[in-house]
Amino acid sequence: MKDHRYKLLKILFQGGDIKTFSDIYKYIPKTVIKEDIGTSGTRMDRLMKDPSGFRLQELNRLAGLIGCDVKSFVLMALAEGYDQYKKKASGEKGV
């Protein structure tokens, strides 16, 4: 059964309030998402740190659960991955 909080995420996503994957985890716990997209807890922990590691299939499932276009999630994962890369390249702490 689909978690009722996904409907809220759709509204927030379409309204521009969801800009990062961290924003998603504020509303739905990673344990719920990992079960719904079919991944392990260990992998989900890695994805929370670096969303560029998401597989297209996982992003497609997540987009389907929320009811949004998968392209938006792919672009969000790429943007966050690039931000992580820039931080690592500049030697910034907290990465």
N, C-alpha and C. Protein backbone atom coordinates (compact mmCIF):
# COMPACT_ATOMS: atom_id res chain seq x y z
N MET A 1 0.84 -1.19 0.00
CA MET A 1 0.00 0.00 0.00
C MET A 1 0.89 1.25 0.00
N LYS A 2 0.56 2.17 -0.84
CA LYS A 2 1.34 3.40 -0.99
C LYS A 2 1.12 4.32 0.23
N ASP A 3 2.22 4.83 0.76
CA ASP A 3 2.18 5.72 1.91
C ASP A 3 1.45 7.01 1.54
N HIS A 4 0.57 7.46 2.39
CA HIS A 4 -0.23 8.66 2.11
C HIS A 4 0.61 9.94 2.01
N ARG A 5 1.82 9.93 2.55
CA ARG A 5 2.67 11.12 2.51
C ARG A 5 3.20 11.44 1.13
N TYR A 6 3.14 10.47 0.22
CA TYR A 6 3.59 10.72 -1.15
C TYR A 6 2.73 11.78 -1.83
N LYS A 7 1.44 11.82 -1.48
CA LYS A 7 0.54 12.86 -2.05
C LYS A 7 1.01 14.25 -1.64
N LEU A 8 1.41 14.40 -0.38
CA LEU A 8 1.92 15.67 0.10
C LEU A 8 3.20 16.05 -0.65
N LEU A 9 4.07 15.07 -0.85
CA LEU A 9 5.31 15.33 -1.58
C LEU A 9 5.05 15.82 -3.00
N LYS A 10 4.03 15.28 -3.64
CA LYS A 10 3.70 15.72 -5.00
C LYS A 10 3.34 17.20 -4.99
N ILE A 11 2.52 17.60 -4.04
CA ILE A 11 2.11 19.00 -3.94
C ILE A 11 3.33 19.89 -3.66
N LEU A 12 4.18 19.46 -2.73
CA LEU A 12 5.37 20.23 -2.39
C LEU A 12 6.35 20.29 -3.56
N PHE A 13 6.49 19.17 -4.27
CA PHE A 13 7.41 19.11 -5.41
C PHE A 13 6.94 20.03 -6.52
N GLN A 14 5.67 19.97 -6.83
CA GLN A 14 5.11 20.82 -7.89
C GLN A 14 5.14 22.30 -7.50
N GLY A 15 5.07 22.58 -6.20
CA GLY A 15 5.13 23.96 -5.72
C GLY A 15 6.55 24.50 -5.60
N GLY A 16 7.54 23.65 -5.86
CA GLY A 16 8.93 24.09 -5.79
C GLY A 16 9.54 24.03 -4.40
N ASP A 17 8.84 23.41 -3.46
CA ASP A 17 9.35 23.32 -2.08
C ASP A 17 10.31 22.15 -1.89
N ILE A 18 10.31 21.20 -2.82
CA ILE A 18 11.24 20.07 -2.77
C ILE A 18 12.31 20.33 -3.82
N LYS A 19 13.52 20.59 -3.35
CA LYS A 19 14.61 20.90 -4.27
C LYS A 19 15.76 19.89 -4.18
N THR A 20 15.78 19.11 -3.09
CA THR A 20 16.84 18.12 -2.89
C THR A 20 16.22 16.83 -2.34
N PHE A 21 16.99 15.78 -2.40
CA PHE A 21 16.52 14.52 -1.84
C PHE A 21 16.40 14.63 -0.32
N SER A 22 17.23 15.45 0.29
CA SER A 22 17.12 15.67 1.74
C SER A 22 15.76 16.25 2.11
N ASP A 23 15.22 17.07 1.22
CA ASP A 23 13.88 17.63 1.45
C ASP A 23 12.84 16.51 1.48
N ILE A 24 13.01 15.51 0.64
CA ILE A 24 12.07 14.38 0.61
C ILE A 24 12.11 13.62 1.93
N TYR A 25 13.33 13.39 2.44
CA TYR A 25 13.49 12.61 3.66
C TYR A 25 12.94 13.33 4.90
N LYS A 26 12.67 14.61 4.79
CA LYS A 26 12.04 15.35 5.90
C LYS A 26 10.59 14.92 6.08
N TYR A 27 9.98 14.43 5.00
CA TYR A 27 8.56 14.10 5.03
C TYR A 27 8.27 12.60 5.06
N ILE A 28 9.17 11.82 4.46
CA ILE A 28 9.01 10.36 4.46
C ILE A 28 10.33 9.74 4.89
N PRO A 29 10.30 8.90 5.91
CA PRO A 29 11.54 8.27 6.38
C PRO A 29 12.20 7.40 5.32
N LYS A 30 13.51 7.32 5.41
CA LYS A 30 14.27 6.52 4.43
C LYS A 30 13.83 5.06 4.46
N THR A 31 13.39 4.56 5.61
CA THR A 31 12.97 3.16 5.70
C THR A 31 11.75 2.90 4.83
N VAL A 32 10.85 3.84 4.76
CA VAL A 32 9.66 3.69 3.91
C VAL A 32 10.07 3.75 2.44
N ILE A 33 10.91 4.73 2.10
CA ILE A 33 11.34 4.89 0.71
C ILE A 33 12.13 3.68 0.23
N LYS A 34 13.05 3.20 1.06
CA LYS A 34 13.88 2.06 0.64
C LYS A 34 13.03 0.83 0.34
N GLU A 35 12.02 0.61 1.14
CA GLU A 35 11.12 -0.53 0.90
C GLU A 35 10.34 -0.32 -0.40
N ASP A 36 9.86 0.89 -0.61
CA ASP A 36 9.02 1.18 -1.77
C ASP A 36 9.79 1.16 -3.09
N ILE A 37 11.07 1.52 -3.05
CA ILE A 37 11.84 1.49 -4.31
C ILE A 37 12.65 0.21 -4.45
N GLY A 38 12.64 -0.62 -3.40
CA GLY A 38 13.27 -1.94 -3.49
C GLY A 38 14.78 -1.94 -3.35
N THR A 39 15.28 -1.20 -2.38
CA THR A 39 16.73 -1.19 -2.14
C THR A 39 17.01 -1.50 -0.67
N SER A 40 18.27 -1.74 -0.36
CA SER A 40 18.64 -2.10 1.01
C SER A 40 18.89 -0.84 1.86
N GLY A 41 18.92 -1.03 3.15
CA GLY A 41 19.19 0.09 4.06
C GLY A 41 20.58 0.65 3.89
N THR A 42 21.56 -0.23 3.67
CA THR A 42 22.94 0.21 3.48
C THR A 42 23.06 1.06 2.21
N ARG A 43 22.44 0.58 1.14
CA ARG A 43 22.48 1.34 -0.11
C ARG A 43 21.75 2.68 0.06
N MET A 44 20.65 2.67 0.76
CA MET A 44 19.89 3.90 0.97
C MET A 44 20.72 4.92 1.74
N ASP A 45 21.50 4.45 2.71
CA ASP A 45 22.39 5.35 3.46
C ASP A 45 23.38 6.02 2.51
N ARG A 46 23.94 5.25 1.58
CA ARG A 46 24.89 5.81 0.60
C ARG A 46 24.19 6.81 -0.32
N LEU A 47 22.98 6.47 -0.74
CA LEU A 47 22.24 7.36 -1.63
C LEU A 47 21.85 8.66 -0.95
N MET A 48 21.63 8.61 0.34
CA MET A 48 21.30 9.83 1.08
C MET A 48 22.50 10.78 1.09
N LYS A 49 23.70 10.21 1.11
CA LYS A 49 24.91 11.03 1.10
C LYS A 49 25.26 11.51 -0.31
N ASP A 50 24.97 10.68 -1.31
CA ASP A 50 25.29 11.02 -2.69
C ASP A 50 24.20 10.50 -3.63
N PRO A 51 23.17 11.31 -3.85
CA PRO A 51 22.04 10.89 -4.69
C PRO A 51 22.40 10.59 -6.14
N SER A 52 23.59 10.97 -6.59
CA SER A 52 23.95 10.67 -7.97
C SER A 52 24.13 9.16 -8.18
N GLY A 53 24.15 8.40 -7.09
CA GLY A 53 24.28 6.95 -7.19
C GLY A 53 22.97 6.23 -7.45
N PHE A 54 21.86 6.96 -7.46
CA PHE A 54 20.57 6.32 -7.75
C PHE A 54 20.59 5.69 -9.13
N ARG A 55 19.98 4.53 -9.23
CA ARG A 55 19.78 3.89 -10.54
C ARG A 55 18.53 4.52 -11.17
N LEU A 56 18.48 4.52 -12.48
CA LEU A 56 17.31 5.09 -13.16
C LEU A 56 16.03 4.38 -12.73
N GLN A 57 16.12 3.08 -12.55
CA GLN A 57 14.95 2.31 -12.12
C GLN A 57 14.45 2.79 -10.75
N GLU A 58 15.36 3.07 -9.83
CA GLU A 58 14.97 3.56 -8.51
C GLU A 58 14.33 4.94 -8.59
N LEU A 59 14.92 5.81 -9.42
CA LEU A 59 14.35 7.14 -9.60
C LEU A 59 12.98 7.06 -10.26
N ASN A 60 12.83 6.14 -11.18
CA ASN A 60 11.55 5.97 -11.85
C ASN A 60 10.48 5.50 -10.86
N ARG A 61 10.85 4.58 -9.98
CA ARG A 61 9.90 4.11 -8.96
C ARG A 61 9.52 5.24 -8.01
N LEU A 62 10.51 6.01 -7.59
CA LEU A 62 10.24 7.11 -6.66
C LEU A 62 9.35 8.16 -7.32
N ALA A 63 9.65 8.49 -8.56
CA ALA A 63 8.82 9.45 -9.29
C ALA A 63 7.39 8.94 -9.43
N GLY A 64 7.25 7.65 -9.68
CA GLY A 64 5.92 7.05 -9.79
C GLY A 64 5.16 7.09 -8.48
N LEU A 65 5.84 6.86 -7.39
CA LEU A 65 5.19 6.90 -6.07
C LEU A 65 4.69 8.31 -5.75
N ILE A 66 5.50 9.30 -6.11
CA ILE A 66 5.14 10.69 -5.83
C ILE A 66 4.17 11.21 -6.87
N GLY A 67 4.27 10.69 -8.08
CA GLY A 67 3.38 11.13 -9.15
C GLY A 67 3.96 12.29 -9.94
N CYS A 68 5.29 12.31 -10.04
CA CYS A 68 5.97 13.38 -10.77
C CYS A 68 6.80 12.78 -11.90
N ASP A 69 7.29 13.65 -12.76
CA ASP A 69 8.09 13.26 -13.91
C ASP A 69 9.46 12.76 -13.46
N VAL A 70 9.90 11.61 -13.97
CA VAL A 70 11.19 11.04 -13.58
C VAL A 70 12.34 11.96 -13.98
N LYS A 71 12.19 12.72 -15.05
CA LYS A 71 13.24 13.62 -15.51
C LYS A 71 13.64 14.60 -14.40
N SER A 72 12.68 15.08 -13.66
CA SER A 72 12.96 16.00 -12.55
C SER A 72 13.85 15.37 -11.50
N PHE A 73 13.61 14.08 -11.23
CA PHE A 73 14.41 13.38 -10.23
C PHE A 73 15.82 13.08 -10.74
N VAL A 74 15.92 12.76 -12.02
CA VAL A 74 17.24 12.53 -12.61
C VAL A 74 18.06 13.81 -12.55
N LEU A 75 17.45 14.92 -12.92
CA LEU A 75 18.17 16.20 -12.88
C LEU A 75 18.56 16.59 -11.45
N MET A 76 17.68 16.31 -10.49
CA MET A 76 17.97 16.62 -9.10
C MET A 76 19.15 15.76 -8.61
N ALA A 77 19.16 14.48 -8.97
CA ALA A 77 20.27 13.59 -8.57
C ALA A 77 21.58 14.05 -9.18
N LEU A 78 21.55 14.43 -10.47
CA LEU A 78 22.76 14.91 -11.13
C LEU A 78 23.27 16.20 -10.49
N ALA A 79 22.36 17.10 -10.19
CA ALA A 79 22.75 18.38 -9.58
C ALA A 79 23.39 18.16 -8.21
N GLU A 80 22.78 17.29 -7.41
CA GLU A 80 23.34 17.03 -6.08
C GLU A 80 24.67 16.29 -6.18
N GLY A 81 24.78 15.38 -7.13
CA GLY A 81 26.04 14.68 -7.33
C GLY A 81 27.14 15.64 -7.76
N TYR A 82 26.80 16.58 -8.62
CA TYR A 82 27.78 17.56 -9.07
C TYR A 82 28.20 18.47 -7.90
N ASP A 83 27.24 18.85 -7.07
CA ASP A 83 27.58 19.65 -5.88
C ASP A 83 28.54 18.90 -4.97
N GLN A 84 28.30 17.60 -4.78
CA GLN A 84 29.20 16.77 -3.96
C GLN A 84 30.59 16.74 -4.58
N TYR A 85 30.65 16.59 -5.90
CA TYR A 85 31.93 16.55 -6.60
C TYR A 85 32.68 17.87 -6.41
N LYS A 86 31.98 18.99 -6.55
CA LYS A 86 32.63 20.30 -6.39
C LYS A 86 33.18 20.47 -4.98
N LYS A 87 32.42 20.03 -3.98
CA LYS A 87 32.88 20.14 -2.59
C LYS A 87 34.12 19.29 -2.36
N LYS A 88 34.12 18.08 -2.89
CA LYS A 88 35.29 17.20 -2.73
C LYS A 88 36.49 17.79 -3.45
N ALA A 89 36.29 18.32 -4.65
CA ALA A 89 37.38 18.88 -5.44
C ALA A 89 38.00 20.12 -4.79
N SER A 90 37.15 20.88 -4.08
CA SER A 90 37.67 22.08 -3.44
C SER A 90 38.22 21.79 -2.04
N GLY A 91 38.06 20.54 -1.58
CA GLY A 91 38.57 20.17 -0.27
C GLY A 91 37.70 20.65 0.88
N GLU A 92 36.45 20.99 0.58
CA GLU A 92 35.54 21.48 1.60
C GLU A 92 35.20 20.37 2.58
N LYS A 93 35.13 20.71 3.85
CA LYS A 93 34.82 19.72 4.91
C LYS A 93 33.32 19.41 4.91
N GLY A 94 32.99 18.29 5.56
CA GLY A 94 31.58 17.91 5.73
C GLY A 94 31.02 17.13 4.58
N VAL A 95 31.88 16.58 3.75
CA VAL A 95 31.41 15.80 2.60
C VAL A 95 31.50 14.33 2.90
